[in-house]
PDB file of N, CA and C in Angstrom:
ATOM      1  N   SER A   1      -0.296   9.039 -18.196  1.00  0.00           N
ATOM      2  CA  SER A   1      -1.131   8.475 -17.126  1.00  0.00           C
ATOM      3  C   SER A   1      -2.037   7.510 -17.610  1.00  0.00           C
ATOM      4  N   LEU A   2      -2.369   6.322 -17.004  1.00  0.00           N
ATOM      5  CA  LEU A   2      -3.305   5.221 -17.450  1.00  0.00           C
ATOM      6  C   LEU A   2      -4.742   5.895 -17.382  1.00  0.00           C
ATOM      7  N   CYS A   3      -5.121   6.484 -16.603  1.00  0.00           N
ATOM      8  CA  CYS A   3      -6.505   6.980 -16.450  1.00  0.00           C
ATOM      9  C   CYS A   3      -6.463   8.418 -16.648  1.00  0.00           C
ATOM     10  N   PRO A   4      -7.346   9.039 -17.473  1.00  0.00           N
ATOM     11  CA  PRO A   4      -7.328  10.309 -17.675  1.00  0.00           C
ATOM     12  C   PRO A   4      -7.849  11.138 -16.316  1.00  0.00           C
ATOM     13  N   LEU A   5      -7.456  12.129 -16.103  1.00  0.00           N
ATOM     14  CA  LEU A   5      -7.643  12.917 -14.998  1.00  0.00           C
ATOM     15  C   LEU A   5      -7.176  12.376 -13.602  1.00  0.00           C
ATOM     16  N   MET A   6      -6.368  11.204 -13.555  1.00  0.00           N
ATOM     17  CA  MET A   6      -5.857  10.730 -12.468  1.00  0.00           C
ATOM     18  C   MET A   6      -4.181  10.752 -12.656  1.00  0.00           C
ATOM     19  N   ALA A   7      -3.589  11.328 -11.672  1.00  0.00           N
ATOM     20  CA  ALA A   7      -2.046  11.303 -11.616  1.00  0.00           C
ATOM     21  C   ALA A   7      -1.567   9.775 -11.260  1.00  0.00           C
ATOM     22  N   SER A   8      -0.401   9.529 -11.305  1.00  0.00           N
ATOM     23  CA  SER A   8      -0.117   8.280 -10.869  1.00  0.00           C
ATOM     24  C   SER A   8      -0.324   8.082  -9.430  1.00  0.00           C
ATOM     25  N   PRO A   9      -1.070   7.073  -8.876  1.00  0.00           N
ATOM     26  CA  PRO A   9      -1.264   6.962  -7.458  1.00  0.00           C
ATOM     27  C   PRO A   9       0.135   6.580  -6.647  1.00  0.00           C
ATOM     28  N   LYS A  10      -0.107   6.919  -5.501  1.00  0.00           N
ATOM     29  CA  LYS A  10       0.994   6.649  -4.665  1.00  0.00           C
ATOM     30  C   LYS A  10       0.636   6.305  -3.266  1.00  0.00           C
ATOM     31  N   LEU A  11       1.581   5.646  -2.596  1.00  0.00           N
ATOM     32  CA  LEU A  11       1.372   5.337  -1.104  1.00  0.00           C
ATOM     33  C   LEU A  11       2.406   5.991  -0.275  1.00  0.00           C
ATOM     34  N   LEU A  12       2.027   6.881   0.789  1.00  0.00           N
ATOM     35  CA  LEU A  12       2.843   7.882   1.532  1.00  0.00           C
ATOM     36  C   LEU A  12       3.236   7.097   2.988  1.00  0.00           C
ATOM     37  N   HIS A  13       4.462   6.759   3.167  1.00  0.00           N
ATOM     38  CA  HIS A  13       4.660   6.395   4.496  1.00  0.00           C
ATOM     39  C   HIS A  13       4.482   7.375   5.288  1.00  0.00           C
ATOM     40  N   LEU A  14       3.569   7.151   6.491  1.00  0.00           N
ATOM     41  CA  LEU A  14       3.362   8.254   7.420  1.00  0.00           C
ATOM     42  C   LEU A  14       4.370   8.591   8.309  1.00  0.00           C
ATOM     43  N   HIS A  15       5.545   7.575   8.484  1.00  0.00           N
ATOM     44  CA  HIS A  15       6.394   7.872   9.561  1.00  0.00           C
ATOM     45  C   HIS A  15       7.696   7.951   9.064  1.00  0.00           C
ATOM     46  N   CYS A  16       8.022   8.094   7.733  1.00  0.00           N
ATOM     47  CA  CYS A  16       9.311   8.573   7.231  1.00  0.00           C
ATOM     48  C   CYS A  16       9.145   9.314   6.021  1.00  0.00           C
ATOM     49  N   CYS A  17       7.976   9.631   5.636  1.00  0.00           N
ATOM     50  CA  CYS A  17       7.742  10.286   4.433  1.00  0.00           C
ATOM     51  C   CYS A  17       8.276   9.829   3.132  1.00  0.00           C
ATOM     52  N   ARG A  18       8.441   8.728   2.833  1.00  0.00           N
ATOM     53  CA  ARG A  18       8.916   7.926   1.860  1.00  0.00           C
ATOM     54  C   ARG A  18       7.505   7.681   0.922  1.00  0.00           C
ATOM     55  N   GLU A  19       7.715   7.914  -0.318  1.00  0.00           N
ATOM     56  CA  GLU A  19       6.582   7.786  -1.344  1.00  0.00           C
ATOM     57  C   GLU A  19       6.738   6.571  -2.199  1.00  0.00           C
ATOM     58  N   TYR A  20       5.760   5.826  -2.433  1.00  0.00           N
ATOM     59  CA  TYR A  20       5.766   4.740  -3.361  1.00  0.00           C
ATOM     60  C   TYR A  20       5.002   4.894  -4.395  1.00  0.00           C
ATOM     61  N   THR A  21       5.448   5.066  -5.742  1.00  0.00           N
ATOM     62  CA  THR A  21       4.543   5.366  -6.821  1.00  0.00           C
ATOM     63  C   THR A  21       4.040   4.106  -7.387  1.00  0.00           C
ATOM     64  N   LEU A  22       2.829   4.019  -7.654  1.00  0.00           N
ATOM     65  CA  LEU A  22       2.264   2.677  -8.351  1.00  0.00           C
ATOM     66  C   LEU A  22       2.570   2.922  -9.858  1.00  0.00           C
ATOM     67  N   VAL A  23       2.964   1.708 -10.536  1.00  0.00           N
ATOM     68  CA  VAL A  23       2.956   1.725 -11.993  1.00  0.00           C
ATOM     69  C   VAL A  23       1.981   0.769 -12.601  1.00  0.00           C
ATOM     70  N   ALA A  24       1.211   1.351 -13.602  1.00  0.00           N
ATOM     71  CA  ALA A  24      -0.003   0.513 -14.135  1.00  0.00           C
ATOM     72  C   ALA A  24       0.234  -0.834 -14.536  1.00  0.00           C
ATOM     73  N   TYR A  25      -0.480  -1.880 -13.898  1.00  0.00           N
ATOM     74  CA  TYR A  25      -0.605  -3.238 -14.156  1.00  0.00           C
ATOM     75  C   TYR A  25       0.710  -3.882 -13.481  1.00  0.00           C
ATOM     76  N   GLN A  26       1.327  -3.124 -12.793  1.00  0.00           N
ATOM     77  CA  GLN A  26       2.705  -3.920 -12.033  1.00  0.00           C
ATOM     78  C   GLN A  26       2.313  -4.030 -10.350  1.00  0.00           C
ATOM     79  N   LYS A  27       2.431  -5.193  -9.739  1.00  0.00           N
ATOM     80  CA  LYS A  27       2.402  -5.305  -8.275  1.00  0.00           C
ATOM     81  C   LYS A  27       3.474  -4.611  -7.682  1.00  0.00           C
ATOM     82  N   LEU A  28       3.138  -3.875  -6.483  1.00  0.00           N
ATOM     83  CA  LEU A  28       4.068  -3.269  -5.702  1.00  0.00           C
ATOM     84  C   LEU A  28       4.007  -4.300  -4.375  1.00  0.00           C
ATOM     85  N   HIS A  29       4.912  -4.907  -4.217  1.00  0.00           N
ATOM     86  CA  HIS A  29       5.088  -5.922  -3.074  1.00  0.00           C
ATOM     87  C   HIS A  29       5.667  -5.209  -1.914  1.00  0.00           C
ATOM     88  N   PHE A  30       5.084  -5.512  -0.593  1.00  0.00           N
ATOM     89  CA  PHE A  30       5.915  -5.325   0.707  1.00  0.00           C
ATOM     90  C   PHE A  30       6.178  -6.341   1.443  1.00  0.00           C
ATOM     91  N   GLY A  31       6.865  -6.591   2.155  1.00  0.00           N
ATOM     92  CA  GLY A  31       7.284  -7.760   2.806  1.00  0.00           C
ATOM     93  C   GLY A  31       8.710  -7.804   3.474  1.00  0.00           C
ATOM     94  N   ARG A  32       9.239  -8.861   3.932  1.00  0.00           N
ATOM     95  CA  ARG A  32      10.455  -8.979   4.355  1.00  0.00           C
ATOM     96  C   ARG A  32      11.374 -10.104   3.793  1.00  0.00           C
ATOM     97  N   ALA A  33      11.008 -10.589   2.768  1.00  0.00           N
ATOM     98  CA  ALA A  33      11.653 -11.468   1.789  1.00  0.00           C
ATOM     99  C   ALA A  33      12.785 -10.902   0.997  1.00  0.00           C
ATOM    100  N   PRO A  34      13.924 -11.811   1.046  1.00  0.00           N
ATOM    101  CA  PRO A  34      15.203 -11.104   0.237  1.00  0.00           C
ATOM    102  C   PRO A  34      14.745 -10.773  -1.074  1.00  0.00           C
ATOM    103  N   ASN A  35      13.842 -11.008  -1.864  1.00  0.00           N
ATOM    104  CA  ASN A  35      13.489 -10.656  -3.248  1.00  0.00           C
ATOM    105  C   ASN A  35      12.466  -9.479  -3.179  1.00  0.00           C
ATOM    106  N   ILE A  36      12.319  -9.111  -2.082  1.00  0.00           N
ATOM    107  CA  ILE A  36      11.520  -7.905  -2.213  1.00  0.00           C
ATOM    108  C   ILE A  36      12.300  -6.682  -2.077  1.00  0.00           C
ATOM    109  N   PRO A  37      12.103  -5.704  -3.119  1.00  0.00           N
ATOM    110  CA  PRO A  37      12.879  -4.498  -3.205  1.00  0.00           C
ATOM    111  C   PRO A  37      13.316  -3.784  -1.881  1.00  0.00           C
ATOM    112  N   SER A  38      14.284  -3.264  -1.653  1.00  0.00           N
ATOM    113  CA  SER A  38      14.900  -2.972  -0.165  1.00  0.00           C
ATOM    114  C   SER A  38      14.082  -1.723   0.098  1.00  0.00           C
ATOM    115  N   SER A  39      13.490  -0.925  -0.638  1.00  0.00           N
ATOM    116  CA  SER A  39      12.573   0.195  -0.143  1.00  0.00           C
ATOM    117  C   SER A  39      11.231  -0.244   0.336  1.00  0.00           C
ATOM    118  N   ALA A  40      10.801  -1.417   0.059  1.00  0.00           N
ATOM    119  CA  ALA A  40       9.497  -2.097   0.356  1.00  0.00           C
ATOM    120  C   ALA A  40       9.657  -3.232   1.329  1.00  0.00           C
ATOM    121  N   ARG A  41      11.013  -3.353   1.761  1.00  0.00           N
ATOM    122  CA  ARG A  41      11.237  -4.597   2.735  1.00  0.00           C
ATOM    123  C   ARG A  41      11.407  -4.127   4.115  1.00  0.00           C
ATOM    124  N   PHE A  42      10.712  -4.726   5.025  1.00  0.00           N
ATOM    125  CA  PHE A  42      10.400  -4.218   6.374  1.00  0.00           C
ATOM    126  C   PHE A  42      11.071  -5.477   7.347  1.00  0.00           C
ATOM    127  N   ASP A  43      11.924  -5.215   8.019  1.00  0.00           N
ATOM    128  CA  ASP A  43      12.402  -6.334   8.795  1.00  0.00           C
ATOM    129  C   ASP A  43      11.925  -6.415  10.165  1.00  0.00           C
ATOM    130  N   HIS A  44      10.650  -6.805  10.353  1.00  0.00           N
ATOM    131  CA  HIS A  44      10.015  -7.131  11.631  1.00  0.00           C
ATOM    132  C   HIS A  44       9.496  -8.399  11.766  1.00  0.00           C
ATOM    133  N   SER A  45       9.236  -9.029  12.785  1.00  0.00           N
ATOM    134  CA  SER A  45       8.722 -10.382  13.048  1.00  0.00           C
ATOM    135  C   SER A  45       7.169 -10.385  12.648  1.00  0.00           C
ATOM    136  N   SER A  46       6.432  -9.199  12.612  1.00  0.00           N
ATOM    137  CA  SER A  46       4.976  -9.383  12.376  1.00  0.00           C
ATOM    138  C   SER A  46       4.902  -9.168  10.821  1.00  0.00           C
ATOM    139  N   ILE A  47       5.878  -9.013   9.986  1.00  0.00           N
ATOM    140  CA  ILE A  47       5.866  -8.748   8.663  1.00  0.00           C
ATOM    141  C   ILE A  47       6.069 -10.174   7.966  1.00  0.00           C
ATOM    142  N   SER A  48       5.323 -10.539   7.190  1.00  0.00           N
ATOM    143  CA  SER A  48       5.397 -11.928   6.441  1.00  0.00           C
ATOM    144  C   SER A  48       6.521 -11.637   5.158  1.00  0.00           C
ATOM    145  N   GLY A  49       6.875 -12.724   4.722  1.00  0.00           N
ATOM    146  CA  GLY A  49       8.017 -12.622   3.574  1.00  0.00           C
ATOM    147  C   GLY A  49       7.265 -11.959   2.469  1.00  0.00           C
ATOM    148  N   HIS A  50       6.150 -12.324   1.949  1.00  0.00           N
ATOM    149  CA  HIS A  50       5.301 -11.608   1.047  1.00  0.00           C
ATOM    150  C   HIS A  50       4.040 -11.163   1.622  1.00  0.00           C
ATOM    151  N   HIS A  51       4.155  -9.921   2.243  1.00  0.00           N
ATOM    152  CA  HIS A  51       3.112  -9.639   3.210  1.00  0.00           C
ATOM    153  C   HIS A  51       1.742  -9.088   2.533  1.00  0.00           C
ATOM    154  N   CYS A  52       1.879  -8.301   1.407  1.00  0.00           N
ATOM    155  CA  CYS A  52       0.908  -7.816   0.710  1.00  0.00           C
ATOM    156  C   CYS A  52       1.321  -7.148  -0.631  1.00  0.00           C
ATOM    157  N   HIS A  53       0.284  -6.930  -1.487  1.00  0.00           N
ATOM    158  CA  HIS A  53       0.893  -6.221  -2.720  1.00  0.00           C
ATOM    159  C   HIS A  53      -0.213  -5.297  -3.120  1.00  0.00           C
ATOM    160  N   PHE A  54       0.023  -4.276  -3.972  1.00  0.00           N
ATOM    161  CA  PHE A  54      -0.774  -3.326  -4.370  1.00  0.00           C
ATOM    162  C   PHE A  54      -0.765  -3.362  -5.889  1.00  0.00           C
ATOM    163  N   ILE A  55      -1.840  -3.225  -6.711  1.00  0.00           N
ATOM    164  CA  ILE A  55      -2.112  -3.004  -7.971  1.00  0.00           C
ATOM    165  C   ILE A  55      -2.857  -2.004  -8.536  1.00  0.00           C
ATOM    166  N   TRP A  56      -2.559  -1.154  -9.639  1.00  0.00           N
ATOM    167  CA  TRP A  56      -3.220  -0.172 -10.316  1.00  0.00           C
ATOM    168  C   TRP A  56      -3.729  -0.939 -11.471  1.00  0.00           C
ATOM    169  N   THR A  57      -5.288  -1.101 -11.355  1.00  0.00           N
ATOM    170  CA  THR A  57      -5.650  -1.940 -12.217  1.00  0.00           C
ATOM    171  C   THR A  57      -6.144  -1.445 -13.588  1.00  0.00           C
ATOM    172  N   PRO A  58      -6.459  -2.008 -14.636  1.00  0.00           N
ATOM    173  CA  PRO A  58      -6.873  -1.420 -15.792  1.00  0.00           C
ATOM    174  C   PRO A  58      -8.345  -0.543 -15.736  1.00  0.00           C
ATOM    175  N   ASN A  59      -9.185  -0.949 -14.768  1.00  0.00           N
ATOM    176  CA  ASN A  59     -10.498   0.038 -14.433  1.00  0.00           C
ATOM    177  C   ASN A  59     -10.214   1.182 -13.580  1.00  0.00           C
ATOM    178  N   CYS A  60      -8.816   1.643 -13.338  1.00  0.00           N
ATOM    179  CA  CYS A  60      -8.458   2.821 -12.708  1.00  0.00           C
ATOM    180  C   CYS A  60      -8.692   2.700 -11.202  1.00  0.00           C
ATOM    181  N   THR A  61      -8.600   1.578 -10.637  1.00  0.00           N
ATOM    182  CA  THR A  61      -8.748   1.422  -9.186  1.00  0.00           C
ATOM    183  C   THR A  61      -7.513   0.848  -8.681  1.00  0.00           C
ATOM    184  N   ILE A  62      -7.154   1.102  -7.380  1.00  0.00           N
ATOM    185  CA  ILE A  62      -5.927   0.497  -6.637  1.00  0.00           C
ATOM    186  C   ILE A  62      -6.481  -0.609  -5.679  1.00  0.00           C
ATOM    187  N   GLN A  63      -5.935  -1.586  -5.995  1.00  0.00           N
ATOM    188  CA  GLN A  63      -6.408  -2.865  -5.044  1.00  0.00           C
ATOM    189  C   GLN A  63      -5.119  -3.436  -4.243  1.00  0.00           C
ATOM    190  N   LEU A  64      -5.614  -3.612  -3.047  1.00  0.00           N
ATOM    191  CA  LEU A  64      -4.624  -4.397  -2.065  1.00  0.00           C
ATOM    192  C   LEU A  64      -5.060  -5.883  -1.780  1.00  0.00           C
ATOM    193  N   VAL A  65      -3.980  -6.580  -1.850  1.00  0.00           N
ATOM    194  CA  VAL A  65      -4.304  -8.149  -1.571  1.00  0.00           C
ATOM    195  C   VAL A  65      -3.309  -8.553  -0.442  1.00  0.00           C
ATOM    196  N   ASP A  66      -3.813  -8.849   0.699  1.00  0.00           N
ATOM    197  CA  ASP A  66      -3.292  -9.355   1.826  1.00  0.00           C
ATOM    198  C   ASP A  66      -2.766 -10.869   1.616  1.00  0.00           C
ATOM    199  N   THR A  67      -1.532 -11.124   1.770  1.00  0.00           N
ATOM    200  CA  THR A  67      -0.915 -12.580   1.655  1.00  0.00           C
ATOM    201  C   THR A  67      -0.137 -12.893   2.990  1.00  0.00           C
ATOM    202  N   SER A  68      -0.519 -12.304   4.001  1.00  0.00           N
ATOM    203  CA  SER A  68       0.385 -12.343   5.115  1.00  0.00           C
ATOM    204  C   SER A  68      -0.481 -13.262   6.319  1.00  0.00           C
ATOM    205  N   THR A  69       0.524 -13.568   7.373  1.00  0.00           N
ATOM    206  CA  THR A  69      -0.104 -14.365   8.449  1.00  0.00           C
ATOM    207  C   THR A  69      -0.690 -13.382   9.567  1.00  0.00           C
ATOM    208  N   ASN A  70      -0.128 -12.041   9.797  1.00  0.00           N
ATOM    209  CA  ASN A  70      -0.429 -11.235  10.845  1.00  0.00           C
ATOM    210  C   ASN A  70      -1.447 -10.304  10.374  1.00  0.00           C
ATOM    211  N   GLY A  71      -1.663 -10.101   9.171  1.00  0.00           N
ATOM    212  CA  GLY A  71      -2.810  -9.328   8.772  1.00  0.00           C
ATOM    213  C   GLY A  71      -2.314  -7.982   8.166  1.00  0.00           C
ATOM    214  N   THR A  72      -3.140  -7.378   7.217  1.00  0.00           N
ATOM    215  CA  THR A  72      -3.129  -6.043   6.673  1.00  0.00           C
ATOM    216  C   THR A  72      -4.431  -5.475   7.077  1.00  0.00           C
ATOM    217  N   PHE A  73      -4.151  -4.223   7.258  1.00  0.00           N
ATOM    218  CA  PHE A  73      -5.402  -3.421   7.904  1.00  0.00           C
ATOM    219  C   PHE A  73      -5.589  -2.210   6.981  1.00  0.00           C
ATOM    220  N   VAL A  74      -7.000  -1.727   6.779  1.00  0.00           N
ATOM    221  CA  VAL A  74      -7.233  -0.595   5.950  1.00  0.00           C
ATOM    222  C   VAL A  74      -8.033   0.157   6.825  1.00  0.00           C
ATOM    223  N   ASN A  75      -7.623   1.319   7.361  1.00  0.00           N
ATOM    224  CA  ASN A  75      -8.378   2.174   8.306  1.00  0.00           C
ATOM    225  C   ASN A  75      -8.818   1.425   9.598  1.00  0.00           C
ATOM    226  N   ASP A  76      -7.829   0.644  10.018  1.00  0.00           N
ATOM    227  CA  ASP A  76      -7.748  -0.247  11.360  1.00  0.00           C
ATOM    228  C   ASP A  76      -8.592  -1.404  11.113  1.00  0.00           C
ATOM    229  N   GLU A  77      -9.226  -1.688   9.891  1.00  0.00           N
ATOM    230  CA  GLU A  77      -9.941  -2.978   9.931  1.00  0.00           C
ATOM    231  C   GLU A  77      -9.318  -4.056   9.141  1.00  0.00           C
ATOM    232  N   ARG A  78      -8.955  -5.156   9.688  1.00  0.00           N
ATOM    233  CA  ARG A  78      -8.284  -6.252   8.912  1.00  0.00           C
ATOM    234  C   ARG A  78      -8.851  -6.736   7.784  1.00  0.00           C
ATOM    235  N   VAL A  79      -8.264  -6.830   6.623  1.00  0.00           N
ATOM    236  CA  VAL A  79      -8.899  -7.213   5.325  1.00  0.00           C
ATOM    237  C   VAL A  79      -8.760  -8.611   5.253  1.00  0.00           C
ATOM    238  N   LEU A  80      -9.615  -9.418   4.335  1.00  0.00           N
ATOM    239  CA  LEU A  80      -9.529 -10.908   4.348  1.00  0.00           C
ATOM    240  C   LEU A  80      -8.435 -11.062   3.314  1.00  0.00           C
ATOM    241  N   LYS A  81      -7.659 -12.371   4.016  1.00  0.00           N
ATOM    242  CA  LYS A  81      -6.512 -12.795   3.103  1.00  0.00           C
ATOM    243  C   LYS A  81      -6.997 -13.127   1.786  1.00  0.00           C
ATOM    244  N   HIS A  82      -6.227 -12.760   0.640  1.00  0.00           N
ATOM    245  CA  HIS A  82      -6.310 -13.186  -0.612  1.00  0.00           C
ATOM    246  C   HIS A  82      -7.592 -12.643  -1.293  1.00  0.00           C
ATOM    247  N   GLN A  83      -8.205 -11.677  -0.565  1.00  0.00           N
ATOM    248  CA  GLN A  83      -9.412 -10.964  -1.281  1.00  0.00           C
ATOM    249  C   GLN A  83      -9.057  -9.597  -1.624  1.00  0.00           C
ATOM    250  N   PRO A  84      -9.163  -9.377  -2.929  1.00  0.00           N
ATOM    251  CA  PRO A  84      -8.631  -7.995  -3.197  1.00  0.00           C
ATOM    252  C   PRO A  84      -9.700  -6.992  -2.700  1.00  0.00           C
ATOM    253  N   VAL A  85      -9.022  -5.792  -2.242  1.00  0.00           N
ATOM    254  CA  VAL A  85      -9.697  -4.739  -1.491  1.00  0.00           C
ATOM    255  C   VAL A  85      -9.495  -3.451  -2.289  1.00  0.00           C
ATOM    256  N   THR A  86     -10.484  -2.756  -2.694  1.00  0.00           N
ATOM    257  CA  THR A  86     -10.462  -1.365  -3.636  1.00  0.00           C
ATOM    258  C   THR A  86     -10.019  -0.302  -2.533  1.00  0.00           C
ATOM    259  N   LEU A  87      -9.028   0.353  -2.743  1.00  0.00           N
ATOM    260  CA  LEU A  87      -8.663   1.412  -1.969  1.00  0.00           C
ATOM    261  C   LEU A  87      -9.032   2.813  -2.478  1.00  0.00           C
ATOM    262  N   HIS A  88      -9.245   3.827  -1.490  1.00  0.00           N
ATOM    263  CA  HIS A  88      -9.722   5.077  -1.728  1.00  0.00           C
ATOM    264  C   HIS A  88      -8.844   6.075  -1.451  1.00  0.00           C
ATOM    265  N   ASP A  89      -8.858   7.223  -2.003  1.00  0.00           N
ATOM    266  CA  ASP A  89      -8.082   8.328  -1.507  1.00  0.00           C
ATOM    267  C   ASP A  89      -8.158   8.556  -0.235  1.00  0.00           C
ATOM    268  N   GLY A  90      -7.036   8.656   0.463  1.00  0.00           N
ATOM    269  CA  GLY A  90      -7.044   8.887   1.913  1.00  0.00           C
ATOM    270  C   GLY A  90      -7.195   7.811   2.916  1.00  0.00           C
ATOM    271  N   ASP A  91      -7.438   6.722   2.307  1.00  0.00           N
ATOM    272  CA  ASP A  91      -7.255   5.486   3.110  1.00  0.00           C
ATOM    273  C   ASP A  91      -5.795   5.155   3.809  1.00  0.00           C
ATOM    274  N   VAL A  92      -5.884   4.626   4.917  1.00  0.00           N
ATOM    275  CA  VAL A  92      -4.547   4.313   5.589  1.00  0.00           C
ATOM    276  C   VAL A  92      -4.537   2.871   5.852  1.00  0.00           C
ATOM    277  N   VAL A  93      -3.405   2.350   5.150  1.00  0.00           N
ATOM    278  CA  VAL A  93      -3.123   0.904   5.129  1.00  0.00           C
ATOM    279  C   VAL A  93      -1.923   0.678   6.130  1.00  0.00           C
ATOM    280  N   ARG A  94      -2.173  -0.211   7.111  1.00  0.00           N
ATOM    281  CA  ARG A  94      -1.256  -0.725   8.197  1.00  0.00           C
ATOM    282  C   ARG A  94      -0.726  -2.246   7.804  1.00  0.00           C
ATOM    283  N   ILE A  95       0.559  -2.444   7.825  1.00  0.00           N
ATOM    284  CA  ILE A  95       0.968  -3.792   7.739  1.00  0.00           C
ATOM    285  C   ILE A  95       1.444  -4.511   8.678  1.00  0.00           C
ATOM    286  N   GLY A  96       0.923  -5.533   9.180  1.00  0.00           N
ATOM    287  CA  GLY A  96       1.403  -6.230  10.354  1.00  0.00           C
ATOM    288  C   GLY A  96       0.741  -5.464  11.742  1.00  0.00           C
ATOM    289  N   ARG A  97       1.649  -5.852  12.856  1.00  0.00           N
ATOM    290  CA  ARG A  97       1.076  -5.194  14.153  1.00  0.00           C
ATOM    291  C   ARG A  97       1.879  -3.812  14.400  1.00  0.00           C
ATOM    292  N   GLN A  98       2.788  -3.257  13.364  1.00  0.00           N
ATOM    293  CA  GLN A  98       3.787  -2.106  13.363  1.00  0.00           C
ATOM    294  C   GLN A  98       2.833  -0.925  13.255  1.00  0.00           C
ATOM    295  N   ALA A  99       2.829   0.006  14.253  1.00  0.00           N
ATOM    296  CA  ALA A  99       2.117   1.070  14.180  1.00  0.00           C
ATOM    297  C   ALA A  99       2.717   2.046  13.270  1.00  0.00           C
ATOM    298  N   ASP A 100       4.061   1.837  13.087  1.00  0.00           N
ATOM    299  CA  ASP A 100       4.878   2.743  12.214  1.00  0.00           C
ATOM    300  C   ASP A 100       4.794   2.368  10.824  1.00  0.00           C
ATOM    301  N   LEU A 101       4.473   1.289  10.601  1.00  0.00           N
ATOM    302  CA  LEU A 101       4.285   0.700   8.999  1.00  0.00           C
ATOM    303  C   LEU A 101       2.925   1.131   8.429  1.00  0.00           C
ATOM    304  N   GLN A 102       2.691   2.322   8.420  1.00  0.00           N
ATOM    305  CA  GLN A 102       1.160   2.749   8.005  1.00  0.00           C
ATOM    306  C   GLN A 102       1.610   3.865   6.693  1.00  0.00           C
ATOM    307  N   PHE A 103       0.525   3.626   5.806  1.00  0.00           N
ATOM    308  CA  PHE A 103       0.659   4.432   4.413  1.00  0.00           C
ATOM    309  C   PHE A 103      -0.555   4.864   4.091  1.00  0.00           C
ATOM    310  N   ARG A 104      -0.561   6.160   3.686  1.00  0.00           N
ATOM    311  CA  ARG A 104      -1.734   6.773   3.096  1.00  0.00           C
ATOM    312  C   ARG A 104      -1.912   6.655   1.611  1.00  0.00           C
ATOM    313  N   VAL A 105      -3.076   6.327   1.128  1.00  0.00           N
ATOM    314  CA  VAL A 105      -3.375   6.277  -0.186  1.00  0.00           C
ATOM    315  C   VAL A 105      -3.495   7.547  -0.994  1.00  0.00           C
ATOM    316  N   CYS A 106      -2.732   7.964  -1.941  1.00  0.00           N
ATOM    317  CA  CYS A 106      -2.768   9.172  -2.365  1.00  0.00           C
ATOM    318  C   CYS A 106      -3.142   8.923  -3.973  1.00  0.00           C
ATOM    319  N   LEU A 107      -4.387   9.219  -4.393  1.00  0.00           N
ATOM    320  CA  LEU A 107      -4.876   8.962  -5.818  1.00  0.00           C
ATOM    321  C   LEU A 107      -4.680  10.231  -6.714  1.00  0.00           C
ATOM    322  N   GLY A 108      -4.027  11.243  -6.108  1.00  0.00           N
ATOM    323  CA  GLY A 108      -4.001  12.417  -6.908  1.00  0.00           C
ATOM    324  C   GLY A 108      -4.956  13.449  -6.919  1.00  0.00           C
ATOM    325  N   THR A 109      -5.996  13.355  -5.926  1.00  0.00           N
ATOM    326  CA  THR A 109      -7.136  14.119  -6.061  1.00  0.00           C
ATOM    327  C   THR A 109      -7.079  15.055  -4.930  1.00  0.00           C
ATOM    328  N   GLN A 110      -6.074  14.855  -4.018  1.00  0.00           N
ATOM    329  CA  GLN A 110      -5.796  15.837  -2.851  1.00  0.00           C
ATOM    330  C   GLN A 110      -4.347  15.724  -2.480  1.00  0.00           C
ATOM    331  N   PRO A 111      -3.695  16.668  -1.801  1.00  0.00           N
ATOM    332  CA  PRO A 111      -2.543  16.648  -1.356  1.00  0.00           C
ATOM    333  C   PRO A 111      -2.005  15.514  -0.643  1.00  0.00           C
ATOM    334  N   ALA A 112      -0.738  15.091  -1.087  1.00  0.00           N
ATOM    335  CA  ALA A 112      -0.387  13.826  -0.220  1.00  0.00           C
ATOM    336  C   ALA A 112       0.013  13.962   1.118  1.00  0.00           C
ATOM    337  N   ILE A 113       0.488  15.223   1.626  1.00  0.00           N
ATOM    338  CA  ILE A 113       0.862  15.565   2.866  1.00  0.00           C
ATOM    339  C   ILE A 113      -0.239  16.681   3.275  1.00  0.00           C
ATOM    340  N   PRO A 114      -0.967  16.301   4.414  1.00  0.00           N
ATOM    341  CA  PRO A 114      -1.900  17.270   4.834  1.00  0.00           C
ATOM    342  C   PRO A 114      -1.225  18.618   5.169  1.00  0.00           C
ATOM    343  N   PRO A 115      -1.903  19.742   5.161  1.00  0.00           N
ATOM    344  CA  PRO A 115      -1.520  21.023   5.478  1.00  0.00           C
ATOM    345  C   PRO A 115      -1.132  20.936   6.963  1.00  0.00           C
ATOM    346  N   VAL A 116      -0.227  21.715   7.393  1.00  0.00           N
ATOM    347  CA  VAL A 116       0.088  21.977   8.824  1.00  0.00           C
ATOM    348  C   VAL A 116      -0.786  22.863   9.704  1.00  0.00           C
TER     349      VAL A 116
END
C-alpha cells in the first residue's frame, strides 16, 4: 500500500455494486469516450466524453477533478471544473444528472457496504 495504515481506496457504485480500486498515481477516468475503459464508460447524454477523473496522490489523499459540461457532484454539491477536490471516506460522488451514477468513496477505514 502507498500509505501506511490505508488500504487501497475504492469507489463503490451504489446501484450495481461494482467496485473501482484506485492505483497509486494513476488517474481513473469516467466518461463516455471510446478510449475510456468499458467498466468506467457510461453511455448517457449528460456524461461527457472525459467527464472526470480520480487520483490517489503521493500525500495519501484521493482527489477528484471534474472536466465535464454537465457537472460532477460531491454530496450533492457541484464541484468547480478543473479544480481538484479532496475526497473523504463516505463521500458520495455523482456524475452528470444521472441519479444512478453515484459512487461512495471508501478509504479502507470503514466497511464499503453499510450493514443492513
